[in-house]
Amino acid sequence: MSQDIFVSVLIPAKNEANNLKPLLEEVRAALADEAYEIIVVDDGSTDSTLHELRQLKNNGLDALRILRHERSLGQSTSLYHAAIAARGQWLATLDGDGQNDPADIPGMLALVRGEKGLVDVQLVAGHRVNRRDTASKRWASRFANGLRRRLLNDDTPDTGCGLKLIERAAFLRLPYFDHMHRYIPALIQRHNGRMIVHPVNHRPRTAGVSKYGNIDRALVGILDLFGVWWLIKRTRLNTNAQEIEG
């Protein structure tokens, strides 16, 4: 039953046919004690991604749901469509390349459960403390993170980490735009949400290739960064309306 699902694992995937089977098996093992579902969005893949997903579902991975874009619409749109379809109270996001470790999800879930009255968070943001990327990619990420922190003041060391745990209701309140997934911490805080940063594992890519180059990320990211800065500067959500009696 949909109301019994606590966490929906959302995975955008474009041409990740060789990574999905081991990744989804890891998700199943990590969440064996949870009420969960997995939603993979095939984002216009041209390889056998869709075939692999159908095989996994037909071979007993009942928790798997498959969404498909006929053409690639990007990671943010994939996550947004998956969040709309999700049945869980919480959304755990993973990259489809297998570099995020599903074994980190139970620890993140423990943080949002906590003791009643002591924990009230809308986002647990992963922080990759042992990056397993190329030197150029790590350098570009450090530059982008530093610029973003100075401009947005979002207290996030690693907003580009694909592993996050987000309250579904909070996510659906955020403004949608392409590439919004890179600014989820800042957007959550814009809506007065509380965030915890949690160290997570990071692994080398074992198959396939990255879909974006460092120059592509930088050019798009600068435009988006100033757009998010403008949104935050224009917000008036840091105070609540008071209902008057009588």
Protein backbone atom coordinates (compact mmCIF):
# COMPACT_ATOMS: atom_id res chain seq x y z
CA MET A 1 0.00 0.00 0.00
CA SER A 2 1.30 3.45 -0.87
CA GLN A 3 0.76 4.83 2.65
CA ASP A 4 3.11 2.20 4.07
CA ILE A 5 6.14 3.36 2.07
CA PHE A 6 8.53 5.44 4.16
CA VAL A 7 11.28 6.18 1.62
CA SER A 8 11.31 6.41 -2.17
CA VAL A 9 14.74 6.03 -3.78
CA LEU A 10 14.94 8.24 -6.89
CA ILE A 11 17.57 7.47 -9.54
CA PRO A 12 17.92 9.45 -12.80
CA ALA A 13 19.75 7.32 -15.36
CA LYS A 14 20.98 8.15 -18.84
CA ASN A 15 22.92 5.39 -20.61
CA GLU A 16 23.79 3.58 -17.37
CA ALA A 17 22.87 0.04 -18.47
CA ASN A 18 25.99 -1.54 -16.95
CA ASN A 19 25.69 0.24 -13.61
CA LEU A 20 22.03 -0.24 -12.71
CA LYS A 21 21.89 -3.92 -11.77
CA PRO A 22 24.63 -3.79 -9.09
CA LEU A 23 23.35 -0.43 -7.85
CA LEU A 24 19.76 -1.61 -7.42
CA GLU A 25 20.91 -4.81 -5.72
CA GLU A 26 22.81 -2.64 -3.25
CA VAL A 27 19.70 -0.54 -2.64
CA ARG A 28 17.68 -3.69 -1.95
CA ALA A 29 20.28 -4.95 0.51
CA ALA A 30 20.64 -1.59 2.28
CA LEU A 31 16.88 -1.11 2.73
CA ALA A 32 15.93 -4.70 3.53
CA ASP A 33 14.40 -3.56 6.84
CA GLU A 34 12.57 -0.55 5.38
CA ALA A 35 9.27 0.05 3.61
CA TYR A 36 10.65 1.44 0.37
CA GLU A 37 10.30 1.76 -3.39
CA ILE A 38 12.81 2.51 -6.14
CA ILE A 39 11.93 4.85 -9.00
CA VAL A 40 14.42 4.90 -11.87
CA VAL A 41 13.92 7.51 -14.57
CA ASP A 42 15.37 6.44 -17.91
CA ASP A 43 16.25 9.88 -19.21
CA GLY A 44 16.19 9.28 -22.96
CA SER A 45 18.86 6.57 -22.92
CA THR A 46 20.14 5.25 -26.24
CA ASP A 47 21.76 2.12 -24.80
CA SER A 48 20.05 -0.89 -23.17
CA THR A 49 19.12 0.92 -19.94
CA LEU A 50 15.39 0.37 -20.41
CA HIS A 51 15.90 -3.31 -21.28
CA GLU A 52 18.01 -3.82 -18.12
CA LEU A 53 15.37 -2.16 -15.96
CA ARG A 54 12.60 -4.33 -17.39
CA GLN A 55 14.71 -7.42 -16.81
CA LEU A 56 15.29 -6.48 -13.19
CA LYS A 57 11.60 -5.84 -12.59
CA ASN A 58 10.54 -9.07 -14.29
CA ASN A 59 13.14 -11.04 -12.33
CA GLY A 60 11.73 -10.18 -8.93
CA LEU A 61 12.67 -6.63 -8.03
CA ASP A 62 9.08 -5.78 -7.12
CA ALA A 63 10.02 -2.48 -5.46
CA LEU A 64 11.18 -1.09 -8.80
CA ARG A 65 9.11 1.42 -10.75
CA ILE A 66 10.28 2.65 -14.15
CA LEU A 67 9.66 6.08 -15.65
CA ARG A 68 10.94 7.01 -19.10
CA HIS A 69 11.62 10.21 -21.01
CA GLU A 70 11.56 9.77 -24.77
CA ARG A 71 14.37 12.35 -24.98
CA SER A 72 16.83 13.48 -22.37
CA LEU A 73 15.39 16.21 -20.14
CA GLY A 74 18.16 16.32 -17.53
CA GLN A 75 18.70 15.30 -13.94
CA SER A 76 16.50 17.94 -12.30
CA THR A 77 13.47 17.17 -14.47
CA SER A 78 14.00 13.44 -13.89
CA LEU A 79 14.06 13.96 -10.13
CA TYR A 80 11.00 16.22 -10.27
CA HIS A 81 8.94 13.69 -12.22
CA ALA A 82 10.07 10.91 -9.89
CA ALA A 83 9.14 12.98 -6.83
CA ILE A 84 5.66 13.61 -8.22
CA ALA A 85 5.19 9.86 -8.73
CA ALA A 86 6.77 8.86 -5.39
CA ARG A 87 4.68 7.37 -2.58
CA GLY A 88 7.19 7.76 0.24
CA GLN A 89 7.33 10.42 2.93
CA TRP A 90 11.06 10.79 2.25
CA LEU A 91 13.02 10.88 -1.01
CA ALA A 92 16.52 9.44 -1.21
CA THR A 93 18.29 10.60 -4.37
CA LEU A 94 21.13 8.64 -5.97
CA ASP A 95 23.13 9.17 -9.14
CA GLY A 96 22.75 6.36 -11.66
CA ASP A 97 26.50 5.90 -12.16
CA GLY A 98 26.99 3.87 -8.99
CA GLN A 99 29.38 6.34 -7.36
CA ASN A 100 26.99 6.99 -4.46
CA ASP A 101 26.83 4.19 -1.88
CA PRO A 102 23.29 3.04 -0.95
CA ALA A 103 24.71 1.68 2.32
CA ASP A 104 24.73 5.31 3.55
CA ILE A 105 20.94 5.66 3.30
CA PRO A 106 20.01 3.85 6.57
CA GLY A 107 22.25 6.21 8.57
CA MET A 108 20.59 9.20 6.96
CA LEU A 109 17.14 7.80 7.73
CA ALA A 110 18.18 7.37 11.37
CA LEU A 111 18.96 11.10 11.51
CA VAL A 112 15.47 12.16 10.41
CA ARG A 113 13.76 9.70 12.73
CA GLY A 114 15.66 10.69 15.86
CA GLU A 115 13.88 11.36 19.12
CA LYS A 116 10.49 12.99 18.75
CA GLY A 117 10.73 16.68 19.46
CA LEU A 118 14.51 16.81 19.05
CA VAL A 119 14.81 16.31 15.30
CA ASP A 120 12.94 18.45 12.79
CA VAL A 121 14.79 18.40 9.48
CA GLN A 122 13.71 18.51 5.86
CA LEU A 123 17.07 17.64 4.26
CA VAL A 124 20.06 15.46 5.00
CA ALA A 125 22.71 16.51 2.47
CA GLY A 126 25.49 14.06 1.66
CA HIS A 127 29.08 15.26 1.83
CA ARG A 128 31.58 13.20 -0.18
CA VAL A 129 34.60 13.16 2.10
CA ASN A 130 36.64 10.84 -0.16
CA ARG A 131 35.99 12.05 -3.71
CA ARG A 132 36.82 9.41 -6.33
CA ASP A 133 36.79 11.67 -9.38
CA THR A 134 39.47 13.00 -11.71
CA ALA A 135 41.67 15.84 -10.47
CA SER A 136 40.08 18.29 -12.94
CA LYS A 137 36.58 17.37 -11.77
CA ARG A 138 37.56 17.77 -8.10
CA TRP A 139 39.13 21.16 -8.83
CA ALA A 140 36.05 22.38 -10.71
CA SER A 141 33.84 21.18 -7.86
CA ARG A 142 35.92 22.97 -5.21
CA PHE A 143 35.79 26.21 -7.20
CA ALA A 144 32.02 25.94 -7.74
CA ASN A 145 31.33 25.06 -4.11
CA GLY A 146 33.44 27.97 -2.86
CA LEU A 147 31.74 30.49 -5.14
CA ARG A 148 28.30 29.14 -4.28
CA ARG A 149 28.89 29.28 -0.52
CA ARG A 150 30.10 32.86 -0.71
CA LEU A 151 27.13 34.00 -2.78
CA LEU A 152 24.31 31.92 -1.26
CA ASN A 153 25.64 31.36 2.27
CA ASP A 154 24.01 27.92 2.31
CA ASP A 155 26.41 26.24 4.79
CA THR A 156 26.88 23.27 2.45
CA PRO A 157 30.34 21.88 1.68
CA ASP A 158 29.21 19.65 -1.21
CA THR A 159 25.93 20.63 -2.85
CA GLY A 160 26.85 18.54 -5.92
CA CYS A 161 26.64 15.26 -4.03
CA GLY A 162 23.90 13.15 -5.64
CA LEU A 163 23.04 11.40 -2.36
CA LYS A 164 20.48 13.39 -0.41
CA LEU A 165 17.49 12.58 1.79
CA ILE A 166 14.68 15.09 1.37
CA GLU A 167 11.20 15.30 2.82
CA ARG A 168 8.92 14.85 -0.18
CA ALA A 169 6.50 17.61 0.85
CA ALA A 170 9.42 20.04 1.25
CA PHE A 171 10.87 19.11 -2.15
CA LEU A 172 7.57 19.68 -3.93
CA ARG A 173 7.36 23.19 -2.46
CA LEU A 174 10.60 24.21 -4.15
CA PRO A 175 10.56 26.20 -7.40
CA TYR A 176 11.28 23.93 -10.35
CA PHE A 177 13.85 24.90 -12.99
CA ASP A 178 16.44 23.00 -14.98
CA HIS A 179 19.54 22.23 -12.85
CA MET A 180 17.67 22.98 -9.61
CA HIS A 181 19.08 19.77 -8.10
CA ARG A 182 22.43 21.52 -7.57
CA TYR A 183 20.80 24.12 -5.31
CA ILE A 184 18.48 22.01 -3.15
CA PRO A 185 20.18 23.00 0.16
CA ALA A 186 19.89 26.73 -0.57
CA LEU A 187 16.29 26.35 -1.78
CA ILE A 188 15.30 24.30 1.28
CA GLN A 189 16.75 27.01 3.53
CA ARG A 190 14.90 29.66 1.51
CA HIS A 191 11.70 27.97 2.68
CA ASN A 192 12.88 27.97 6.32
CA GLY A 193 13.76 24.29 6.20
CA ARG A 194 16.38 22.74 8.44
CA MET A 195 19.32 20.81 7.01
CA ILE A 196 21.90 18.35 8.34
CA VAL A 197 25.16 17.64 6.48
CA HIS A 198 26.18 13.97 6.67
CA PRO A 199 29.49 12.44 5.48
CA VAL A 200 28.98 9.73 2.85
CA ASN A 201 31.09 7.31 0.87
CA HIS A 202 32.05 7.97 -2.76
CA ARG A 203 33.27 5.40 -5.26
CA PRO A 204 34.98 5.37 -8.65
CA ARG A 205 32.79 4.96 -11.72
CA THR A 206 33.21 1.38 -12.95
CA ALA A 207 31.30 1.58 -16.26
CA GLY A 208 30.10 4.20 -18.72
CA VAL A 209 31.19 7.82 -18.93
CA SER A 210 30.18 11.08 -17.28
CA LYS A 211 27.44 12.86 -19.24
CA TYR A 212 28.74 16.40 -18.66
CA GLY A 213 32.14 18.07 -19.00
CA ASN A 214 33.59 20.53 -16.50
CA ILE A 215 33.20 23.49 -18.89
CA ASP A 216 29.52 22.59 -19.49
CA ARG A 217 28.86 22.48 -15.74
CA ALA A 218 30.66 25.77 -15.13
CA LEU A 219 28.88 27.77 -17.83
CA VAL A 220 25.43 26.54 -16.86
CA GLY A 221 26.19 26.74 -13.15
CA ILE A 222 27.16 30.43 -13.20
CA LEU A 223 23.85 31.42 -14.77
CA ASP A 224 21.89 29.25 -12.35
CA LEU A 225 23.88 30.52 -9.37
CA PHE A 226 22.89 34.12 -9.99
CA GLY A 227 19.31 33.06 -10.63
CA VAL A 228 19.13 31.29 -7.26
CA TRP A 229 20.80 34.27 -5.59
CA TRP A 230 18.07 36.49 -7.05
CA LEU A 231 15.34 34.13 -5.81
CA ILE A 232 16.74 34.14 -2.28
CA LYS A 233 17.11 37.92 -2.24
CA ARG A 234 13.47 38.31 -3.34
CA THR A 235 11.99 35.90 -0.80
CA ARG A 236 9.80 37.03 2.10
CA LEU A 237 9.31 33.58 3.62
CA ASN A 238 11.39 34.19 6.74
CA THR A 239 8.34 35.23 8.74
CA ASN A 240 4.89 33.68 9.18
CA ALA A 241 1.43 35.26 9.06
CA GLN A 242 -0.34 35.24 12.44
CA GLU A 243 -3.99 34.36 12.67
CA ILE A 244 -5.99 36.86 14.73
CA GLU A 245 -8.82 35.63 16.91
CA GLY A 246 -11.96 37.67 17.48
